[in-house]
Amino acid sequence: YYQTVPKDITGETMRLLAQINFAEIPIIQNFPTQGI
C-alpha cells in the first residue's frame, strides 16, 4: 500500500520485467526462500 511503480531519472514510469516469488521456487543455495 505504501509503494508506487518506480520511475527512471527522466521521470518515465518503468514497467515490470519480472517478478519472482521465492516461496514458489526450489531452494537454491544463497538465495532467499521467501519474499518477492
PDB file of all heavy atoms in Angstrom:
ATOM      1  N   TYR A   1       0.805  -1.224   0.000  1.00  0.00           N
ATOM      2  CA  TYR A   1       0.000   0.000   0.000  1.00  0.00           C
ATOM      3  C   TYR A   1       0.839   1.276   0.000  1.00  0.00           C
ATOM      4  O   TYR A   1       0.393   2.324  -0.475  1.00  0.00           O
ATOM      5  CB  TYR A   1      -0.949  -0.008   1.213  1.00  0.00           C
ATOM      6  CG  TYR A   1      -0.232   0.090   2.537  1.00  0.00           C
ATOM      7  CD1 TYR A   1      -0.001   1.317   3.141  1.00  0.00           C
ATOM      8  CD2 TYR A   1       0.224  -1.054   3.191  1.00  0.00           C
ATOM      9  CE1 TYR A   1       0.670   1.414   4.357  1.00  0.00           C
ATOM     10  CE2 TYR A   1       0.883  -0.976   4.399  1.00  0.00           C
ATOM     11  CZ  TYR A   1       1.105   0.250   4.983  1.00  0.00           C
ATOM     12  OH  TYR A   1       1.775   0.326   6.177  1.00  0.00           O
ATOM     13  N   TYR A   2       2.062   1.197   0.503  1.00  0.00           N
ATOM     14  CA  TYR A   2       2.902   2.396   0.634  1.00  0.00           C
ATOM     15  C   TYR A   2       3.800   2.613  -0.584  1.00  0.00           C
ATOM     16  O   TYR A   2       4.573   3.562  -0.617  1.00  0.00           O
ATOM     17  CB  TYR A   2       3.783   2.287   1.884  1.00  0.00           C
ATOM     18  CG  TYR A   2       4.654   1.044   1.916  1.00  0.00           C
ATOM     19  CD1 TYR A   2       5.879   0.999   1.246  1.00  0.00           C
ATOM     20  CD2 TYR A   2       4.235  -0.091   2.600  1.00  0.00           C
ATOM     21  CE1 TYR A   2       6.662  -0.143   1.260  1.00  0.00           C
ATOM     22  CE2 TYR A   2       5.016  -1.242   2.623  1.00  0.00           C
ATOM     23  CZ  TYR A   2       6.222  -1.262   1.963  1.00  0.00           C
ATOM     24  OH  TYR A   2       6.989  -2.399   1.978  1.00  0.00           O
ATOM     25  N   GLN A   3       3.714   1.765  -1.601  1.00  0.00           N
ATOM     26  CA  GLN A   3       4.666   1.774  -2.702  1.00  0.00           C
ATOM     27  C   GLN A   3       4.010   2.164  -4.020  1.00  0.00           C
ATOM     28  O   GLN A   3       2.797   2.004  -4.201  1.00  0.00           O
ATOM     29  CB  GLN A   3       5.305   0.385  -2.828  1.00  0.00           C
ATOM     30  CG  GLN A   3       6.530   0.310  -3.720  1.00  0.00           C
ATOM     31  CD  GLN A   3       7.658   1.185  -3.247  1.00  0.00           C
ATOM     32  OE1 GLN A   3       7.679   2.381  -3.550  1.00  0.00           O
ATOM     33  NE2 GLN A   3       8.595   0.594  -2.497  1.00  0.00           N
ATOM     34  N   THR A   4       4.806   2.687  -4.951  1.00  0.00           N
ATOM     35  CA  THR A   4       4.343   3.005  -6.300  1.00  0.00           C
ATOM     36  C   THR A   4       5.305   2.388  -7.311  1.00  0.00           C
ATOM     37  O   THR A   4       6.410   1.975  -6.961  1.00  0.00           O
ATOM     38  CB  THR A   4       4.272   4.528  -6.542  1.00  0.00           C
ATOM     39  OG1 THR A   4       5.567   5.096  -6.361  1.00  0.00           O
ATOM     40  CG2 THR A   4       3.279   5.180  -5.593  1.00  0.00           C
ATOM     41  N   VAL A   5       4.895   2.360  -8.568  1.00  0.00           N
ATOM     42  CA  VAL A   5       5.765   1.882  -9.631  1.00  0.00           C
ATOM     43  C   VAL A   5       6.941   2.846  -9.774  1.00  0.00           C
ATOM     44  O   VAL A   5       6.747   4.073  -9.777  1.00  0.00           O
ATOM     45  CB  VAL A   5       4.997   1.768 -10.968  1.00  0.00           C
ATOM     46  CG1 VAL A   5       5.925   1.380 -12.107  1.00  0.00           C
ATOM     47  CG2 VAL A   5       3.869   0.756 -10.835  1.00  0.00           C
ATOM     48  N   PRO A   6       8.171   2.352  -9.879  1.00  0.00           N
ATOM     49  CA  PRO A   6       9.324   3.256  -9.966  1.00  0.00           C
ATOM     50  C   PRO A   6       9.367   4.027 -11.282  1.00  0.00           C
ATOM     51  O   PRO A   6       8.818   3.586 -12.301  1.00  0.00           O
ATOM     52  CB  PRO A   6      10.521   2.315  -9.849  1.00  0.00           C
ATOM     53  CG  PRO A   6      10.017   0.989 -10.307  1.00  0.00           C
ATOM     54  CD  PRO A   6       8.583   0.929  -9.883  1.00  0.00           C
ATOM     55  N   LYS A   7      10.058   5.159 -11.253  1.00  0.00           N
ATOM     56  CA  LYS A   7      10.311   5.955 -12.452  1.00  0.00           C
ATOM     57  C   LYS A   7      11.819   6.078 -12.658  1.00  0.00           C
ATOM     58  O   LYS A   7      12.591   6.010 -11.708  1.00  0.00           O
ATOM     59  CB  LYS A   7       9.687   7.338 -12.314  1.00  0.00           C
ATOM     60  CG  LYS A   7       8.162   7.305 -12.220  1.00  0.00           C
ATOM     61  CD  LYS A   7       7.578   8.711 -12.201  1.00  0.00           C
ATOM     62  CE  LYS A   7       6.059   8.657 -12.152  1.00  0.00           C
ATOM     63  NZ  LYS A   7       5.442  10.009 -12.215  1.00  0.00           N
ATOM     64  N   ASP A   8      12.225   6.257 -13.924  1.00  0.00           N
ATOM     65  CA  ASP A   8      13.649   6.444 -14.180  1.00  0.00           C
ATOM     66  C   ASP A   8      14.038   7.894 -13.911  1.00  0.00           C
ATOM     67  O   ASP A   8      13.204   8.717 -13.505  1.00  0.00           O
ATOM     68  CB  ASP A   8      14.026   5.967 -15.583  1.00  0.00           C
ATOM     69  CG  ASP A   8      13.515   6.879 -16.698  1.00  0.00           C
ATOM     70  OD1 ASP A   8      13.066   8.011 -16.423  1.00  0.00           O
ATOM     71  OD2 ASP A   8      13.557   6.463 -17.871  1.00  0.00           O
ATOM     72  N   ILE A   9      15.304   8.235 -14.146  1.00  0.00           N
ATOM     73  CA  ILE A   9      15.781   9.569 -13.785  1.00  0.00           C
ATOM     74  C   ILE A   9      15.206  10.665 -14.671  1.00  0.00           C
ATOM     75  O   ILE A   9      15.324  11.843 -14.354  1.00  0.00           O
ATOM     76  CB  ILE A   9      17.319   9.633 -13.804  1.00  0.00           C
ATOM     77  CG1 ILE A   9      17.865   9.302 -15.198  1.00  0.00           C
ATOM     78  CG2 ILE A   9      17.917   8.740 -12.753  1.00  0.00           C
ATOM     79  CD1 ILE A   9      19.354   9.583 -15.342  1.00  0.00           C
ATOM     80  N   THR A  10      14.565  10.295 -15.784  1.00  0.00           N
ATOM     81  CA  THR A  10      13.900  11.292 -16.628  1.00  0.00           C
ATOM     82  C   THR A  10      12.442  11.484 -16.238  1.00  0.00           C
ATOM     83  O   THR A  10      11.751  12.310 -16.824  1.00  0.00           O
ATOM     84  CB  THR A  10      13.970  10.881 -18.114  1.00  0.00           C
ATOM     85  OG1 THR A  10      13.092   9.763 -18.349  1.00  0.00           O
ATOM     86  CG2 THR A  10      15.389  10.511 -18.515  1.00  0.00           C
ATOM     87  N   GLY A  11      11.966  10.682 -15.283  1.00  0.00           N
ATOM     88  CA  GLY A  11      10.570  10.755 -14.868  1.00  0.00           C
ATOM     89  C   GLY A  11       9.665   9.765 -15.570  1.00  0.00           C
ATOM     90  O   GLY A  11       8.455   9.748 -15.325  1.00  0.00           O
ATOM     91  N   GLU A  12      10.224   8.946 -16.444  1.00  0.00           N
ATOM     92  CA  GLU A  12       9.406   7.960 -17.154  1.00  0.00           C
ATOM     93  C   GLU A  12       9.055   6.779 -16.245  1.00  0.00           C
ATOM     94  O   GLU A  12       9.923   6.245 -15.547  1.00  0.00           O
ATOM     95  CB  GLU A  12      10.129   7.438 -18.388  1.00  0.00           C
ATOM     96  CG  GLU A  12       9.335   6.378 -19.152  1.00  0.00           C
ATOM     97  CD  GLU A  12      10.082   5.863 -20.360  1.00  0.00           C
ATOM     98  OE1 GLU A  12      10.558   6.695 -21.151  1.00  0.00           O
ATOM     99  OE2 GLU A  12      10.197   4.624 -20.506  1.00  0.00           O
ATOM    100  N   THR A  13       7.796   6.395 -16.263  1.00  0.00           N
ATOM    101  CA  THR A  13       7.361   5.251 -15.476  1.00  0.00           C
ATOM    102  C   THR A  13       7.919   3.965 -16.062  1.00  0.00           C
ATOM    103  O   THR A  13       7.833   3.726 -17.264  1.00  0.00           O
ATOM    104  CB  THR A  13       5.825   5.169 -15.440  1.00  0.00           C
ATOM    105  OG1 THR A  13       5.302   6.372 -14.881  1.00  0.00           O
ATOM    106  CG2 THR A  13       5.361   3.971 -14.597  1.00  0.00           C
ATOM    107  N   MET A  14       8.500   3.144 -15.217  1.00  0.00           N
ATOM    108  CA  MET A  14       9.052   1.870 -15.660  1.00  0.00           C
ATOM    109  C   MET A  14       7.954   0.807 -15.743  1.00  0.00           C
ATOM    110  O   MET A  14       6.827   1.023 -15.284  1.00  0.00           O
ATOM    111  CB  MET A  14      10.144   1.401 -14.692  1.00  0.00           C
ATOM    112  CG  MET A  14      11.324   2.349 -14.576  1.00  0.00           C
ATOM    113  SD  MET A  14      12.666   1.598 -13.604  1.00  0.00           S
ATOM    114  CE  MET A  14      13.639   3.045 -13.211  1.00  0.00           C
ATOM    115  N   ARG A  15       8.307  -0.324 -16.349  1.00  0.00           N
ATOM    116  CA  ARG A  15       7.382  -1.449 -16.442  1.00  0.00           C
ATOM    117  C   ARG A  15       7.995  -2.676 -15.791  1.00  0.00           C
ATOM    118  O   ARG A  15       9.212  -2.852 -15.762  1.00  0.00           O
ATOM    119  CB  ARG A  15       7.051  -1.739 -17.910  1.00  0.00           C
ATOM    120  CG  ARG A  15       6.188  -0.651 -18.545  1.00  0.00           C
ATOM    121  CD  ARG A  15       6.005  -0.837 -20.027  1.00  0.00           C
ATOM    122  NE  ARG A  15       5.264  -2.036 -20.372  1.00  0.00           N
ATOM    123  CZ  ARG A  15       4.871  -2.327 -21.619  1.00  0.00           C
ATOM    124  NH1 ARG A  15       5.167  -1.508 -22.614  1.00  0.00           N
ATOM    125  NH2 ARG A  15       4.200  -3.435 -21.866  1.00  0.00           N
ATOM    126  N   LEU A  16       7.123  -3.518 -15.258  1.00  0.00           N
ATOM    127  CA  LEU A  16       7.596  -4.747 -14.620  1.00  0.00           C
ATOM    128  C   LEU A  16       8.132  -5.703 -15.675  1.00  0.00           C
ATOM    129  O   LEU A  16       7.408  -6.125 -16.579  1.00  0.00           O
ATOM    130  CB  LEU A  16       6.459  -5.421 -13.855  1.00  0.00           C
ATOM    131  CG  LEU A  16       6.853  -6.743 -13.166  1.00  0.00           C
ATOM    132  CD1 LEU A  16       7.771  -6.479 -11.979  1.00  0.00           C
ATOM    133  CD2 LEU A  16       5.624  -7.529 -12.737  1.00  0.00           C
ATOM    134  N   LEU A  17       9.394  -6.040 -15.543  1.00  0.00           N
ATOM    135  CA  LEU A  17      10.007  -7.041 -16.410  1.00  0.00           C
ATOM    136  C   LEU A  17       9.798  -8.440 -15.834  1.00  0.00           C
ATOM    137  O   LEU A  17       9.431  -9.373 -16.560  1.00  0.00           O
ATOM    138  CB  LEU A  17      11.500  -6.761 -16.562  1.00  0.00           C
ATOM    139  CG  LEU A  17      12.289  -7.749 -17.414  1.00  0.00           C
ATOM    140  CD1 LEU A  17      11.934  -7.594 -18.896  1.00  0.00           C
ATOM    141  CD2 LEU A  17      13.791  -7.553 -17.198  1.00  0.00           C
ATOM    142  N   ALA A  18      10.028  -8.587 -14.539  1.00  0.00           N
ATOM    143  CA  ALA A  18       9.914  -9.898 -13.911  1.00  0.00           C
ATOM    144  C   ALA A  18       9.608  -9.750 -12.433  1.00  0.00           C
ATOM    145  O   ALA A  18      10.038  -8.794 -11.787  1.00  0.00           O
ATOM    146  CB  ALA A  18      11.198 -10.705 -14.101  1.00  0.00           C
ATOM    147  N   GLN A  19       8.874 -10.716 -11.928  1.00  0.00           N
ATOM    148  CA  GLN A  19       8.587 -10.813 -10.501  1.00  0.00           C
ATOM    149  C   GLN A  19       8.814 -12.261 -10.080  1.00  0.00           C
ATOM    150  O   GLN A  19       8.247 -13.180 -10.672  1.00  0.00           O
ATOM    151  CB  GLN A  19       7.149 -10.387 -10.209  1.00  0.00           C
ATOM    152  CG  GLN A  19       6.724 -10.561  -8.754  1.00  0.00           C
ATOM    153  CD  GLN A  19       5.391  -9.911  -8.471  1.00  0.00           C
ATOM    154  OE1 GLN A  19       5.280  -8.682  -8.398  1.00  0.00           O
ATOM    155  NE2 GLN A  19       4.349 -10.730  -8.302  1.00  0.00           N
ATOM    156  N   ILE A  20       9.658 -12.459  -9.073  1.00  0.00           N
ATOM    157  CA  ILE A  20       9.982 -13.796  -8.586  1.00  0.00           C
ATOM    158  C   ILE A  20       9.510 -13.916  -7.139  1.00  0.00           C
ATOM    159  O   ILE A  20       9.964 -13.166  -6.266  1.00  0.00           O
ATOM    160  CB  ILE A  20      11.502 -14.075  -8.653  1.00  0.00           C
ATOM    161  CG1 ILE A  20      12.028 -13.856 -10.075  1.00  0.00           C
ATOM    162  CG2 ILE A  20      11.799 -15.489  -8.155  1.00  0.00           C
ATOM    163  CD1 ILE A  20      11.446 -14.779 -11.112  1.00  0.00           C
ATOM    164  N   ASN A  21       8.593 -14.834  -6.897  1.00  0.00           N
ATOM    165  CA  ASN A  21       8.150 -15.148  -5.544  1.00  0.00           C
ATOM    166  C   ASN A  21       8.950 -16.360  -5.078  1.00  0.00           C
ATOM    167  O   ASN A  21       8.736 -17.477  -5.554  1.00  0.00           O
ATOM    168  CB  ASN A  21       6.648 -15.434  -5.528  1.00  0.00           C
ATOM    169  CG  ASN A  21       6.107 -15.606  -4.125  1.00  0.00           C
ATOM    170  OD1 ASN A  21       6.818 -16.048  -3.223  1.00  0.00           O
ATOM    171  ND2 ASN A  21       4.840 -15.266  -3.919  1.00  0.00           N
ATOM    172  N   PHE A  22       9.882 -16.156  -4.165  1.00  0.00           N
ATOM    173  CA  PHE A  22      10.803 -17.224  -3.790  1.00  0.00           C
ATOM    174  C   PHE A  22      10.116 -18.393  -3.092  1.00  0.00           C
ATOM    175  O   PHE A  22      10.677 -19.496  -3.050  1.00  0.00           O
ATOM    176  CB  PHE A  22      11.935 -16.668  -2.920  1.00  0.00           C
ATOM    177  CG  PHE A  22      12.973 -15.932  -3.702  1.00  0.00           C
ATOM    178  CD1 PHE A  22      13.020 -14.544  -3.691  1.00  0.00           C
ATOM    179  CD2 PHE A  22      13.891 -16.612  -4.481  1.00  0.00           C
ATOM    180  CE1 PHE A  22      13.972 -13.860  -4.425  1.00  0.00           C
ATOM    181  CE2 PHE A  22      14.841 -15.941  -5.232  1.00  0.00           C
ATOM    182  CZ  PHE A  22      14.889 -14.556  -5.202  1.00  0.00           C
ATOM    183  N   ALA A  23       8.926 -18.185  -2.568  1.00  0.00           N
ATOM    184  CA  ALA A  23       8.192 -19.294  -1.963  1.00  0.00           C
ATOM    185  C   ALA A  23       7.780 -20.324  -3.012  1.00  0.00           C
ATOM    186  O   ALA A  23       7.444 -21.467  -2.664  1.00  0.00           O
ATOM    187  CB  ALA A  23       6.965 -18.770  -1.224  1.00  0.00           C
ATOM    188  N   GLU A  24       7.811 -19.938  -4.289  1.00  0.00           N
ATOM    189  CA  GLU A  24       7.380 -20.828  -5.373  1.00  0.00           C
ATOM    190  C   GLU A  24       8.526 -21.605  -6.018  1.00  0.00           C
ATOM    191  O   GLU A  24       8.274 -22.490  -6.831  1.00  0.00           O
ATOM    192  CB  GLU A  24       6.659 -20.014  -6.454  1.00  0.00           C
ATOM    193  CG  GLU A  24       5.428 -19.287  -5.970  1.00  0.00           C
ATOM    194  CD  GLU A  24       4.850 -18.349  -7.015  1.00  0.00           C
ATOM    195  OE1 GLU A  24       5.473 -18.170  -8.075  1.00  0.00           O
ATOM    196  OE2 GLU A  24       3.782 -17.780  -6.752  1.00  0.00           O
ATOM    197  N   ILE A  25       9.767 -21.257  -5.702  1.00  0.00           N
ATOM    198  CA  ILE A  25      10.880 -21.878  -6.413  1.00  0.00           C
ATOM    199  C   ILE A  25      11.582 -22.897  -5.517  1.00  0.00           C
ATOM    200  O   ILE A  25      11.541 -22.787  -4.281  1.00  0.00           O
ATOM    201  CB  ILE A  25      11.885 -20.836  -6.943  1.00  0.00           C
ATOM    202  CG1 ILE A  25      12.789 -20.314  -5.823  1.00  0.00           C
ATOM    203  CG2 ILE A  25      11.169 -19.676  -7.609  1.00  0.00           C
ATOM    204  CD1 ILE A  25      13.928 -19.471  -6.335  1.00  0.00           C
ATOM    205  N   PRO A  26      12.231 -23.902  -6.100  1.00  0.00           N
ATOM    206  CA  PRO A  26      13.030 -24.835  -5.296  1.00  0.00           C
ATOM    207  C   PRO A  26      14.131 -24.080  -4.559  1.00  0.00           C
ATOM    208  O   PRO A  26      14.604 -23.039  -5.016  1.00  0.00           O
ATOM    209  CB  PRO A  26      13.623 -25.789  -6.341  1.00  0.00           C
ATOM    210  CG  PRO A  26      12.743 -25.657  -7.541  1.00  0.00           C
ATOM    211  CD  PRO A  26      12.252 -24.249  -7.535  1.00  0.00           C
ATOM    212  N   ILE A  27      14.529 -24.612  -3.421  1.00  0.00           N
ATOM    213  CA  ILE A  27      15.596 -23.971  -2.650  1.00  0.00           C
ATOM    214  C   ILE A  27      16.902 -24.034  -3.437  1.00  0.00           C
ATOM    215  O   ILE A  27      17.292 -25.078  -3.948  1.00  0.00           O
ATOM    216  CB  ILE A  27      15.761 -24.660  -1.283  1.00  0.00           C
ATOM    217  CG1 ILE A  27      14.514 -24.421  -0.423  1.00  0.00           C
ATOM    218  CG2 ILE A  27      17.003 -24.125  -0.567  1.00  0.00           C
ATOM    219  CD1 ILE A  27      14.533 -25.167   0.897  1.00  0.00           C
ATOM    220  N   ILE A  28      17.573 -22.901  -3.528  1.00  0.00           N
ATOM    221  CA  ILE A  28      18.872 -22.798  -4.178  1.00  0.00           C
ATOM    222  C   ILE A  28      19.799 -22.040  -3.242  1.00  0.00           C
ATOM    223  O   ILE A  28      19.419 -21.003  -2.682  1.00  0.00           O
ATOM    224  CB  ILE A  28      18.767 -22.127  -5.576  1.00  0.00           C
ATOM    225  CG1 ILE A  28      20.155 -21.996  -6.211  1.00  0.00           C
ATOM    226  CG2 ILE A  28      18.051 -20.801  -5.505  1.00  0.00           C
ATOM    227  CD1 ILE A  28      20.111 -21.534  -7.670  1.00  0.00           C
ATOM    228  N   GLN A  29      20.996 -22.554  -3.068  1.00  0.00           N
ATOM    229  CA  GLN A  29      21.931 -22.022  -2.084  1.00  0.00           C
ATOM    230  C   GLN A  29      22.161 -20.529  -2.266  1.00  0.00           C
ATOM    231  O   GLN A  29      22.332 -20.046  -3.379  1.00  0.00           O
ATOM    232  CB  GLN A  29      23.258 -22.774  -2.171  1.00  0.00           C
ATOM    233  CG  GLN A  29      24.246 -22.408  -1.078  1.00  0.00           C
ATOM    234  CD  GLN A  29      25.526 -23.222  -1.153  1.00  0.00           C
ATOM    235  OE1 GLN A  29      25.825 -23.833  -2.182  1.00  0.00           O
ATOM    236  NE2 GLN A  29      26.282 -23.262  -0.076  1.00  0.00           N
ATOM    237  N   ASN A  30      22.148 -19.804  -1.162  1.00  0.00           N
ATOM    238  CA  ASN A  30      22.434 -18.370  -1.054  1.00  0.00           C
ATOM    239  C   ASN A  30      21.253 -17.478  -1.403  1.00  0.00           C
ATOM    240  O   ASN A  30      21.270 -16.285  -1.065  1.00  0.00           O
ATOM    241  CB  ASN A  30      23.639 -17.965  -1.917  1.00  0.00           C
ATOM    242  CG  ASN A  30      24.907 -18.702  -1.542  1.00  0.00           C
ATOM    243  OD1 ASN A  30      25.120 -19.048  -0.379  1.00  0.00           O
ATOM    244  ND2 ASN A  30      25.753 -18.967  -2.530  1.00  0.00           N
ATOM    245  N   PHE A  31      20.236 -18.004  -2.063  1.00  0.00           N
ATOM    246  CA  PHE A  31      19.079 -17.191  -2.442  1.00  0.00           C
ATOM    247  C   PHE A  31      18.029 -17.202  -1.327  1.00  0.00           C
ATOM    248  O   PHE A  31      17.977 -18.138  -0.537  1.00  0.00           O
ATOM    249  CB  PHE A  31      18.468 -17.713  -3.746  1.00  0.00           C
ATOM    250  CG  PHE A  31      19.241 -17.348  -4.982  1.00  0.00           C
ATOM    251  CD1 PHE A  31      20.412 -18.008  -5.311  1.00  0.00           C
ATOM    252  CD2 PHE A  31      18.799 -16.336  -5.818  1.00  0.00           C
ATOM    253  CE1 PHE A  31      21.130 -17.674  -6.445  1.00  0.00           C
ATOM    254  CE2 PHE A  31      19.509 -15.988  -6.959  1.00  0.00           C
ATOM    255  CZ  PHE A  31      20.669 -16.656  -7.277  1.00  0.00           C
ATOM    256  N   PRO A  32      17.180 -16.175  -1.274  1.00  0.00           N
ATOM    257  CA  PRO A  32      16.099 -16.184  -0.280  1.00  0.00           C
ATOM    258  C   PRO A  32      15.172 -17.385  -0.484  1.00  0.00           C
ATOM    259  O   PRO A  32      15.075 -17.942  -1.584  1.00  0.00           O
ATOM    260  CB  PRO A  32      15.359 -14.869  -0.563  1.00  0.00           C
ATOM    261  CG  PRO A  32      16.338 -14.002  -1.275  1.00  0.00           C
ATOM    262  CD  PRO A  32      17.188 -14.941  -2.085  1.00  0.00           C
ATOM    263  N   THR A  33      14.481 -17.763   0.578  1.00  0.00           N
ATOM    264  CA  THR A  33      13.493 -18.841   0.494  1.00  0.00           C
ATOM    265  C   THR A  33      12.069 -18.298   0.545  1.00  0.00           C
ATOM    266  O   THR A  33      11.113 -19.053   0.369  1.00  0.00           O
ATOM    267  CB  THR A  33      13.692 -19.850   1.637  1.00  0.00           C
ATOM    268  OG1 THR A  33      13.622 -19.162   2.895  1.00  0.00           O
ATOM    269  CG2 THR A  33      15.048 -20.534   1.511  1.00  0.00           C
ATOM    270  N   GLN A  34      11.944 -17.014   0.762  1.00  0.00           N
ATOM    271  CA  GLN A  34      10.632 -16.372   0.726  1.00  0.00           C
ATOM    272  C   GLN A  34      10.821 -14.911   0.350  1.00  0.00           C
ATOM    273  O   GLN A  34      11.940 -14.410   0.295  1.00  0.00           O
ATOM    274  CB  GLN A  34       9.915 -16.490   2.067  1.00  0.00           C
ATOM    275  CG  GLN A  34      10.634 -15.801   3.209  1.00  0.00           C
ATOM    276  CD  GLN A  34       9.888 -15.928   4.530  1.00  0.00           C
ATOM    277  OE1 GLN A  34       8.943 -16.698   4.648  1.00  0.00           O
ATOM    278  NE2 GLN A  34      10.322 -15.181   5.535  1.00  0.00           N
ATOM    279  N   GLY A  35       9.702 -14.239   0.090  1.00  0.00           N
ATOM    280  CA  GLY A  35       9.758 -12.849  -0.337  1.00  0.00           C
ATOM    281  C   GLY A  35       9.616 -12.714  -1.844  1.00  0.00           C
ATOM    282  O   GLY A  35       9.683 -13.702  -2.584  1.00  0.00           O
ATOM    283  N   ILE A  36       9.408 -11.501  -2.293  1.00  0.00           N
ATOM    284  CA  ILE A  36       9.213 -11.201  -3.711  1.00  0.00           C
ATOM    285  C   ILE A  36      10.322 -10.275  -4.193  1.00  0.00           C
ATOM    286  O   ILE A  36      10.603  -9.244  -3.586  1.00  0.00           O
ATOM    287  CB  ILE A  36       7.831 -10.561  -3.957  1.00  0.00           C
ATOM    288  CG1 ILE A  36       6.737 -11.637  -3.895  1.00  0.00           C
ATOM    289  CG2 ILE A  36       7.783  -9.832  -5.293  1.00  0.00           C
ATOM    290  CD1 ILE A  36       5.340 -11.118  -4.131  1.00  0.00           C
TER     291      ILE A  36
END
